[in-house]
Amino acid sequence: MTVALEVSQLEVHYAGIAAVRGASLALRSGEIFALVGSNGAGKSSLVNAISGVVPSKGRVLFEGREVQAHAAHRRSRMGIIQVPEGRRVIAPLSVLENLELGREALGARARGAADLERVFDLFPILAERRHQASGTLSGGQQQMLAIGRALMGQPRVLLLDEPSLGLAPVVVADVFRALRRLNEEGMTMLLVEQNARLALRSAHRAAVVDHGTLVREGPANELAQDAAIAEHYFGKAGAMPA
């Protein structure tokens, strides 16, 4: 299996404080790789560094090409596209207008109506509410819109930052069902998720992040059954159910 994205010795600092310390990982094409750990562990900082949203030191290689010197918009036009924490839809704009903004990540790449139909097929509620102001949608519908907006940019690697945050369990199930479908169609994903059980149940491989360091990496199902990891990082003794 080829490597879609490789990170080597990545460092992120805020006002002299290290948020990410020498992180290295390789994301394989077609897999879901999850970053799990407690709140404030550095998961989001790592993803933001990969997308170029925050400055960092180290190396980021995308499909074998060094992209560390590229700004965030250039990385997105290459196909590294992030669904940010908190959704960040543009409230006054309609669902359709938010989705059309996602096309900006394409740059000079081919554009087509098929992208929009793909989003509506994945999230039918967005098709029903295409002319509705995005700020009037429920939190779950806004999360679907944020994912759909990212898909409009034809991502080659999709970075997802806390997609379940603040959502009701039934909505979380719908969102992750859609993510699994995308993955089955070949989408490569890096998933940040504080809900460790959900993340490890959804991913192929995972890494545990603690104080900005990747302290453990392996198959997600093996990490899910590791009682020591469950107790130390997720506040509960005993293995997490798969």
C-alpha atoms as a PDB file:
ATOM      1  CA  MET A   1       0.000   0.000   0.000  1.00  0.00           C
ATOM      2  CA  THR A   2       1.346   3.401  -0.984  1.00  0.00           C
ATOM      3  CA  VAL A   3       1.889   6.239   1.477  1.00  0.00           C
ATOM      4  CA  ALA A   4      -0.407   9.209   0.852  1.00  0.00           C
ATOM      5  CA  LEU A   5       0.940  11.504   3.541  1.00  0.00           C
ATOM      6  CA  GLU A   6       4.092  11.347   5.630  1.00  0.00           C
ATOM      7  CA  VAL A   7       4.968  13.534   8.607  1.00  0.00           C
ATOM      8  CA  SER A   8       8.457  13.542  10.089  1.00  0.00           C
ATOM      9  CA  GLN A   9       9.607  15.200  13.319  1.00  0.00           C
ATOM     10  CA  LEU A  10       6.859  17.797  13.238  1.00  0.00           C
ATOM     11  CA  GLU A  11       7.023  20.532  15.889  1.00  0.00           C
ATOM     12  CA  VAL A  12       4.388  23.143  16.764  1.00  0.00           C
ATOM     13  CA  HIS A  13       4.938  25.886  19.334  1.00  0.00           C
ATOM     14  CA  TYR A  14       2.601  28.545  20.701  1.00  0.00           C
ATOM     15  CA  ALA A  15       4.328  31.400  22.538  1.00  0.00           C
ATOM     16  CA  GLY A  16       7.286  29.150  23.257  1.00  0.00           C
ATOM     17  CA  ILE A  17       5.176  26.257  24.535  1.00  0.00           C
ATOM     18  CA  ALA A  18       5.418  22.984  22.589  1.00  0.00           C
ATOM     19  CA  ALA A  19       2.026  21.692  21.437  1.00  0.00           C
ATOM     20  CA  VAL A  20       3.488  19.020  19.137  1.00  0.00           C
ATOM     21  CA  ARG A  21       6.853  17.418  19.852  1.00  0.00           C
ATOM     22  CA  GLY A  22       8.662  15.502  17.132  1.00  0.00           C
ATOM     23  CA  ALA A  23       5.583  13.774  15.706  1.00  0.00           C
ATOM     24  CA  SER A  24       6.115  11.292  12.879  1.00  0.00           C
ATOM     25  CA  LEU A  25       3.510   9.182  11.103  1.00  0.00           C
ATOM     26  CA  ALA A  26       2.694   7.725   7.706  1.00  0.00           C
ATOM     27  CA  LEU A  27      -0.853   7.729   6.366  1.00  0.00           C
ATOM     28  CA  ARG A  28      -1.460   4.985   3.831  1.00  0.00           C
ATOM     29  CA  SER A  29      -3.654   5.493   0.793  1.00  0.00           C
ATOM     30  CA  GLY A  30      -7.215   4.334   1.362  1.00  0.00           C
ATOM     31  CA  GLU A  31      -7.065   4.040   5.142  1.00  0.00           C
ATOM     32  CA  ILE A  32      -8.585   5.855   8.098  1.00  0.00           C
ATOM     33  CA  PHE A  33      -5.892   6.779  10.614  1.00  0.00           C
ATOM     34  CA  ALA A  34      -7.140   8.082  13.964  1.00  0.00           C
ATOM     35  CA  LEU A  35      -5.402  10.330  16.457  1.00  0.00           C
ATOM     36  CA  VAL A  36      -6.798   9.780  19.941  1.00  0.00           C
ATOM     37  CA  GLY A  37      -5.955  11.181  23.347  1.00  0.00           C
ATOM     38  CA  SER A  38      -7.202  13.520  26.021  1.00  0.00           C
ATOM     39  CA  ASN A  39      -8.353  17.086  25.424  1.00  0.00           C
ATOM     40  CA  GLY A  40      -5.349  19.361  24.880  1.00  0.00           C
ATOM     41  CA  ALA A  41      -3.012  16.515  23.974  1.00  0.00           C
ATOM     42  CA  GLY A  42      -1.994  18.170  20.699  1.00  0.00           C
ATOM     43  CA  LYS A  43      -4.175  16.266  18.232  1.00  0.00           C
ATOM     44  CA  SER A  44      -5.742  19.316  16.603  1.00  0.00           C
ATOM     45  CA  SER A  45      -2.422  21.158  16.529  1.00  0.00           C
ATOM     46  CA  LEU A  46      -0.907  18.263  14.612  1.00  0.00           C
ATOM     47  CA  VAL A  47      -3.695  18.255  12.029  1.00  0.00           C
ATOM     48  CA  ASN A  48      -3.573  22.047  11.722  1.00  0.00           C
ATOM     49  CA  ALA A  49       0.162  21.812  11.058  1.00  0.00           C
ATOM     50  CA  ILE A  50      -0.376  19.195   8.360  1.00  0.00           C
ATOM     51  CA  SER A  51      -2.959  21.367   6.599  1.00  0.00           C
ATOM     52  CA  GLY A  52      -0.741  24.442   6.984  1.00  0.00           C
ATOM     53  CA  VAL A  53      -3.180  26.362   9.176  1.00  0.00           C
ATOM     54  CA  VAL A  54      -0.525  26.842  11.869  1.00  0.00           C
ATOM     55  CA  PRO A  55       3.250  27.216  11.360  1.00  0.00           C
ATOM     56  CA  SER A  56       5.419  24.231  12.170  1.00  0.00           C
ATOM     57  CA  LYS A  57       8.871  22.760  11.834  1.00  0.00           C
ATOM     58  CA  GLY A  58       9.705  19.362  10.418  1.00  0.00           C
ATOM     59  CA  ARG A  59       8.666  17.666   7.194  1.00  0.00           C
ATOM     60  CA  VAL A  60       5.295  17.077   5.554  1.00  0.00           C
ATOM     61  CA  LEU A  61       5.314  14.974   2.395  1.00  0.00           C
ATOM     62  CA  PHE A  62       2.188  14.557   0.298  1.00  0.00           C
ATOM     63  CA  GLU A  63       2.331  11.741  -2.245  1.00  0.00           C
ATOM     64  CA  GLY A  64       6.112  11.925  -2.008  1.00  0.00           C
ATOM     65  CA  ARG A  65       6.281  15.685  -2.538  1.00  0.00           C
ATOM     66  CA  GLU A  66       7.573  18.053   0.136  1.00  0.00           C
ATOM     67  CA  VAL A  67       4.827  20.554   1.017  1.00  0.00           C
ATOM     68  CA  GLN A  68       6.102  22.034   4.274  1.00  0.00           C
ATOM     69  CA  ALA A  69       6.946  25.347   2.587  1.00  0.00           C
ATOM     70  CA  HIS A  70       3.454  25.657   1.057  1.00  0.00           C
ATOM     71  CA  ALA A  71       0.713  27.835   2.559  1.00  0.00           C
ATOM     72  CA  ALA A  72      -2.598  26.261   3.565  1.00  0.00           C
ATOM     73  CA  HIS A  73      -4.424  27.289   0.374  1.00  0.00           C
ATOM     74  CA  ARG A  74      -1.759  25.684  -1.793  1.00  0.00           C
ATOM     75  CA  ARG A  75      -1.939  22.451   0.174  1.00  0.00           C
ATOM     76  CA  SER A  76      -5.719  22.385  -0.201  1.00  0.00           C
ATOM     77  CA  ARG A  77      -5.406  22.855  -3.952  1.00  0.00           C
ATOM     78  CA  MET A  78      -3.081  19.871  -4.025  1.00  0.00           C
ATOM     79  CA  GLY A  79      -5.739  17.793  -2.280  1.00  0.00           C
ATOM     80  CA  ILE A  80      -5.026  18.086   1.477  1.00  0.00           C
ATOM     81  CA  ILE A  81      -8.362  19.402   2.724  1.00  0.00           C
ATOM     82  CA  GLN A  82      -9.461  19.869   6.322  1.00  0.00           C
ATOM     83  CA  VAL A  83     -12.883  19.763   7.957  1.00  0.00           C
ATOM     84  CA  PRO A  84     -12.242  22.087  10.904  1.00  0.00           C
ATOM     85  CA  GLU A  85     -13.340  21.616  14.483  1.00  0.00           C
ATOM     86  CA  GLY A  86     -16.541  23.523  15.156  1.00  0.00           C
ATOM     87  CA  ARG A  87     -17.738  23.208  11.542  1.00  0.00           C
ATOM     88  CA  ARG A  88     -17.283  26.932  10.694  1.00  0.00           C
ATOM     89  CA  VAL A  89     -19.986  27.173   8.070  1.00  0.00           C
ATOM     90  CA  ILE A  90     -20.722  30.717   6.889  1.00  0.00           C
ATOM     91  CA  ALA A  91     -24.051  31.284   8.615  1.00  0.00           C
ATOM     92  CA  PRO A  92     -25.670  33.937   6.356  1.00  0.00           C
ATOM     93  CA  LEU A  93     -24.930  31.987   3.191  1.00  0.00           C
ATOM     94  CA  SER A  94     -27.171  29.195   1.961  1.00  0.00           C
ATOM     95  CA  VAL A  95     -26.214  25.550   1.992  1.00  0.00           C
ATOM     96  CA  LEU A  96     -25.573  25.695  -1.743  1.00  0.00           C
ATOM     97  CA  GLU A  97     -23.427  28.813  -1.451  1.00  0.00           C
ATOM     98  CA  ASN A  98     -21.314  27.201   1.280  1.00  0.00           C
ATOM     99  CA  LEU A  99     -20.832  24.136  -0.888  1.00  0.00           C
ATOM    100  CA  GLU A 100     -19.866  26.240  -3.892  1.00  0.00           C
ATOM    101  CA  LEU A 101     -17.189  27.924  -1.766  1.00  0.00           C
ATOM    102  CA  GLY A 102     -15.654  24.492  -1.319  1.00  0.00           C
ATOM    103  CA  ARG A 103     -14.863  24.453  -5.022  1.00  0.00           C
ATOM    104  CA  GLU A 104     -12.275  27.167  -4.434  1.00  0.00           C
ATOM    105  CA  ALA A 105      -9.902  24.471  -3.177  1.00  0.00           C
ATOM    106  CA  LEU A 106      -9.874  23.055  -6.692  1.00  0.00           C
ATOM    107  CA  GLY A 107      -7.961  25.991  -8.129  1.00  0.00           C
ATOM    108  CA  ALA A 108      -7.263  25.090 -11.734  1.00  0.00           C
ATOM    109  CA  ARG A 109      -8.349  21.486 -11.300  1.00  0.00           C
ATOM    110  CA  ALA A 110     -11.404  20.167 -13.135  1.00  0.00           C
ATOM    111  CA  ARG A 111     -14.792  21.230 -11.811  1.00  0.00           C
ATOM    112  CA  GLY A 112     -18.081  19.484 -12.410  1.00  0.00           C
ATOM    113  CA  ALA A 113     -21.678  19.047 -11.304  1.00  0.00           C
ATOM    114  CA  ALA A 114     -20.874  15.503 -10.179  1.00  0.00           C
ATOM    115  CA  ASP A 115     -19.223  16.847  -7.022  1.00  0.00           C
ATOM    116  CA  LEU A 116     -22.458  18.483  -5.889  1.00  0.00           C
ATOM    117  CA  GLU A 117     -24.526  15.427  -6.695  1.00  0.00           C
ATOM    118  CA  ARG A 118     -22.106  13.293  -4.715  1.00  0.00           C
ATOM    119  CA  VAL A 119     -22.590  15.478  -1.646  1.00  0.00           C
ATOM    120  CA  PHE A 120     -26.375  15.424  -1.995  1.00  0.00           C
ATOM    121  CA  ASP A 121     -26.349  11.669  -2.414  1.00  0.00           C
ATOM    122  CA  LEU A 122     -24.253  11.302   0.729  1.00  0.00           C
ATOM    123  CA  PHE A 123     -26.309  13.809   2.761  1.00  0.00           C
ATOM    124  CA  PRO A 124     -29.850  14.028   1.287  1.00  0.00           C
ATOM    125  CA  ILE A 125     -30.947  16.575   3.919  1.00  0.00           C
ATOM    126  CA  LEU A 126     -28.541  19.085   2.341  1.00  0.00           C
ATOM    127  CA  ALA A 127     -30.298  18.688  -1.000  1.00  0.00           C
ATOM    128  CA  GLU A 128     -33.635  19.351   0.691  1.00  0.00           C
ATOM    129  CA  ARG A 129     -32.282  22.482   2.375  1.00  0.00           C
ATOM    130  CA  ARG A 130     -29.959  23.740  -0.336  1.00  0.00           C
ATOM    131  CA  HIS A 131     -31.483  27.237  -0.290  1.00  0.00           C
ATOM    132  CA  GLN A 132     -31.701  27.505   3.512  1.00  0.00           C
ATOM    133  CA  ALA A 133     -29.315  29.780   5.430  1.00  0.00           C
ATOM    134  CA  SER A 134     -26.595  27.581   6.904  1.00  0.00           C
ATOM    135  CA  GLY A 135     -26.826  29.256  10.291  1.00  0.00           C
ATOM    136  CA  THR A 136     -30.371  27.939  10.712  1.00  0.00           C
ATOM    137  CA  LEU A 137     -29.344  24.296  10.311  1.00  0.00           C
ATOM    138  CA  SER A 138     -28.988  21.965  13.272  1.00  0.00           C
ATOM    139  CA  GLY A 139     -25.493  21.167  14.543  1.00  0.00           C
ATOM    140  CA  GLY A 140     -25.542  17.790  12.832  1.00  0.00           C
ATOM    141  CA  GLN A 141     -26.639  19.263   9.527  1.00  0.00           C
ATOM    142  CA  GLN A 142     -23.895  21.878   9.777  1.00  0.00           C
ATOM    143  CA  GLN A 143     -21.352  19.094  10.313  1.00  0.00           C
ATOM    144  CA  MET A 144     -22.655  17.344   7.210  1.00  0.00           C
ATOM    145  CA  LEU A 145     -22.349  20.641   5.354  1.00  0.00           C
ATOM    146  CA  ALA A 146     -18.761  21.111   6.542  1.00  0.00           C
ATOM    147  CA  ILE A 147     -17.868  17.653   5.259  1.00  0.00           C
ATOM    148  CA  GLY A 148     -19.733  18.250   2.023  1.00  0.00           C
ATOM    149  CA  ARG A 149     -17.952  21.572   1.507  1.00  0.00           C
ATOM    150  CA  ALA A 150     -14.606  19.780   1.879  1.00  0.00           C
ATOM    151  CA  LEU A 151     -15.676  17.124  -0.622  1.00  0.00           C
ATOM    152  CA  MET A 152     -16.422  19.822  -3.193  1.00  0.00           C
ATOM    153  CA  GLY A 153     -12.663  20.431  -3.284  1.00  0.00           C
ATOM    154  CA  GLN A 154     -12.056  16.815  -4.384  1.00  0.00           C
ATOM    155  CA  PRO A 155      -9.732  15.921  -1.487  1.00  0.00           C
ATOM    156  CA  ARG A 156      -7.095  13.258  -1.885  1.00  0.00           C
ATOM    157  CA  VAL A 157      -6.542  13.268   1.876  1.00  0.00           C
ATOM    158  CA  LEU A 158      -9.379  14.390   4.147  1.00  0.00           C
ATOM    159  CA  LEU A 159      -8.419  15.749   7.574  1.00  0.00           C
ATOM    160  CA  LEU A 160     -11.295  15.600  10.084  1.00  0.00           C
ATOM    161  CA  ASP A 161     -11.029  17.484  13.374  1.00  0.00           C
ATOM    162  CA  GLU A 162     -13.528  16.312  16.019  1.00  0.00           C
ATOM    163  CA  PRO A 163     -16.443  15.516  13.669  1.00  0.00           C
ATOM    164  CA  SER A 164     -18.594  14.161  16.534  1.00  0.00           C
ATOM    165  CA  LEU A 165     -18.146  17.192  18.809  1.00  0.00           C
ATOM    166  CA  GLY A 166     -21.428  18.441  20.259  1.00  0.00           C
ATOM    167  CA  LEU A 167     -23.619  16.100  18.233  1.00  0.00           C
ATOM    168  CA  ALA A 168     -26.376  13.787  19.444  1.00  0.00           C
ATOM    169  CA  PRO A 169     -25.522  10.058  19.262  1.00  0.00           C
ATOM    170  CA  VAL A 170     -27.980   9.380  16.437  1.00  0.00           C
ATOM    171  CA  VAL A 171     -26.432  12.182  14.366  1.00  0.00           C
ATOM    172  CA  VAL A 172     -22.911  10.955  15.139  1.00  0.00           C
ATOM    173  CA  ALA A 173     -23.928   7.551  13.800  1.00  0.00           C
ATOM    174  CA  ASP A 174     -25.175   9.136  10.564  1.00  0.00           C
ATOM    175  CA  VAL A 175     -21.995  11.188  10.114  1.00  0.00           C
ATOM    176  CA  PHE A 176     -19.683   8.255  10.703  1.00  0.00           C
ATOM    177  CA  ARG A 177     -21.758   6.039   8.445  1.00  0.00           C
ATOM    178  CA  ALA A 178     -21.110   8.575   5.691  1.00  0.00           C
ATOM    179  CA  LEU A 179     -17.392   8.669   6.496  1.00  0.00           C
ATOM    180  CA  ARG A 180     -17.150   4.894   6.302  1.00  0.00           C
ATOM    181  CA  ARG A 181     -18.904   4.982   2.944  1.00  0.00           C
ATOM    182  CA  LEU A 182     -16.421   7.549   1.665  1.00  0.00           C
ATOM    183  CA  ASN A 183     -13.567   5.386   2.869  1.00  0.00           C
ATOM    184  CA  GLU A 184     -15.032   2.326   1.165  1.00  0.00           C
ATOM    185  CA  GLU A 185     -15.009   4.373  -2.033  1.00  0.00           C
ATOM    186  CA  GLY A 186     -11.281   4.975  -1.552  1.00  0.00           C
ATOM    187  CA  MET A 187     -11.053   8.192   0.479  1.00  0.00           C
ATOM    188  CA  THR A 188      -7.955   8.506   2.692  1.00  0.00           C
ATOM    189  CA  MET A 189      -8.657  10.109   6.070  1.00  0.00           C
ATOM    190  CA  LEU A 190      -6.808  11.391   9.106  1.00  0.00           C
ATOM    191  CA  LEU A 191      -9.293  11.543  11.956  1.00  0.00           C
ATOM    192  CA  VAL A 192      -8.937  13.512  15.197  1.00  0.00           C
ATOM    193  CA  GLU A 193     -11.559  12.343  17.648  1.00  0.00           C
ATOM    194  CA  GLN A 194     -11.826  12.704  21.413  1.00  0.00           C
ATOM    195  CA  ASN A 195     -14.367   9.875  21.497  1.00  0.00           C
ATOM    196  CA  ALA A 196     -11.753   7.132  21.555  1.00  0.00           C
ATOM    197  CA  ARG A 197     -14.185   4.238  21.297  1.00  0.00           C
ATOM    198  CA  LEU A 198     -15.774   5.693  18.198  1.00  0.00           C
ATOM    199  CA  ALA A 199     -12.429   6.565  16.613  1.00  0.00           C
ATOM    200  CA  LEU A 200     -10.854   3.168  17.178  1.00  0.00           C
ATOM    201  CA  ARG A 201     -13.991   1.411  15.994  1.00  0.00           C
ATOM    202  CA  SER A 202     -13.911   3.422  12.757  1.00  0.00           C
ATOM    203  CA  ALA A 203     -10.177   3.481  11.933  1.00  0.00           C
ATOM    204  CA  HIS A 204      -7.763   0.969  10.454  1.00  0.00           C
ATOM    205  CA  ARG A 205      -4.770   2.279  12.392  1.00  0.00           C
ATOM    206  CA  ALA A 206      -4.371   4.799  15.172  1.00  0.00           C
ATOM    207  CA  ALA A 207      -1.905   6.653  17.359  1.00  0.00           C
ATOM    208  CA  VAL A 208      -2.235   7.830  20.940  1.00  0.00           C
ATOM    209  CA  VAL A 209      -1.196  11.464  21.442  1.00  0.00           C
ATOM    210  CA  ASP A 210      -0.019  12.622  24.871  1.00  0.00           C
ATOM    211  CA  HIS A 211       1.466  16.070  25.586  1.00  0.00           C
ATOM    212  CA  GLY A 212       2.184  16.582  21.899  1.00  0.00           C
ATOM    213  CA  THR A 213       3.951  13.247  21.436  1.00  0.00           C
ATOM    214  CA  LEU A 214       2.800  10.114  19.622  1.00  0.00           C
ATOM    215  CA  VAL A 215       3.339   7.555  22.376  1.00  0.00           C
ATOM    216  CA  ARG A 216       1.756   4.487  20.802  1.00  0.00           C
ATOM    217  CA  GLU A 217       0.775   3.472  17.275  1.00  0.00           C
ATOM    218  CA  GLY A 218      -0.732   0.342  15.797  1.00  0.00           C
ATOM    219  CA  PRO A 219      -3.839  -1.355  14.403  1.00  0.00           C
ATOM    220  CA  ALA A 220      -6.898   0.380  15.817  1.00  0.00           C
ATOM    221  CA  ASN A 221      -8.545  -2.832  16.981  1.00  0.00           C
ATOM    222  CA  GLU A 222      -5.448  -3.776  18.985  1.00  0.00           C
ATOM    223  CA  LEU A 223      -5.288  -0.379  20.686  1.00  0.00           C
ATOM    224  CA  ALA A 224      -8.992  -0.649  21.464  1.00  0.00           C
ATOM    225  CA  GLN A 225      -8.374  -3.858  23.390  1.00  0.00           C
ATOM    226  CA  ASP A 226      -5.343  -2.586  25.329  1.00  0.00           C
ATOM    227  CA  ALA A 227      -6.480  -2.194  28.941  1.00  0.00           C
ATOM    228  CA  ALA A 228      -3.482  -0.069  29.933  1.00  0.00           C
ATOM    229  CA  ILE A 229      -4.191   2.459  27.193  1.00  0.00           C
ATOM    230  CA  ALA A 230      -7.882   2.544  28.083  1.00  0.00           C
ATOM    231  CA  GLU A 231      -7.155   3.212  31.736  1.00  0.00           C
ATOM    232  CA  HIS A 232      -4.333   5.717  31.303  1.00  0.00           C
ATOM    233  CA  TYR A 233      -5.585   7.786  28.387  1.00  0.00           C
ATOM    234  CA  PHE A 234      -9.330   7.380  28.394  1.00  0.00           C
ATOM    235  CA  GLY A 235     -10.092   7.354  32.098  1.00  0.00           C
ATOM    236  CA  LYS A 236     -11.515   3.885  32.358  1.00  0.00           C
ATOM    237  CA  ALA A 237      -9.896   0.609  33.347  1.00  0.00           C
ATOM    238  CA  GLY A 238     -10.328  -2.330  31.067  1.00  0.00           C
ATOM    239  CA  ALA A 239     -10.241  -2.666  27.291  1.00  0.00           C
ATOM    240  CA  MET A 240     -12.614  -0.633  25.202  1.00  0.00           C
ATOM    241  CA  PRO A 241     -15.182  -2.638  23.293  1.00  0.00           C
ATOM    242  CA  ALA A 242     -14.508  -2.946  19.580  1.00  0.00           C
END
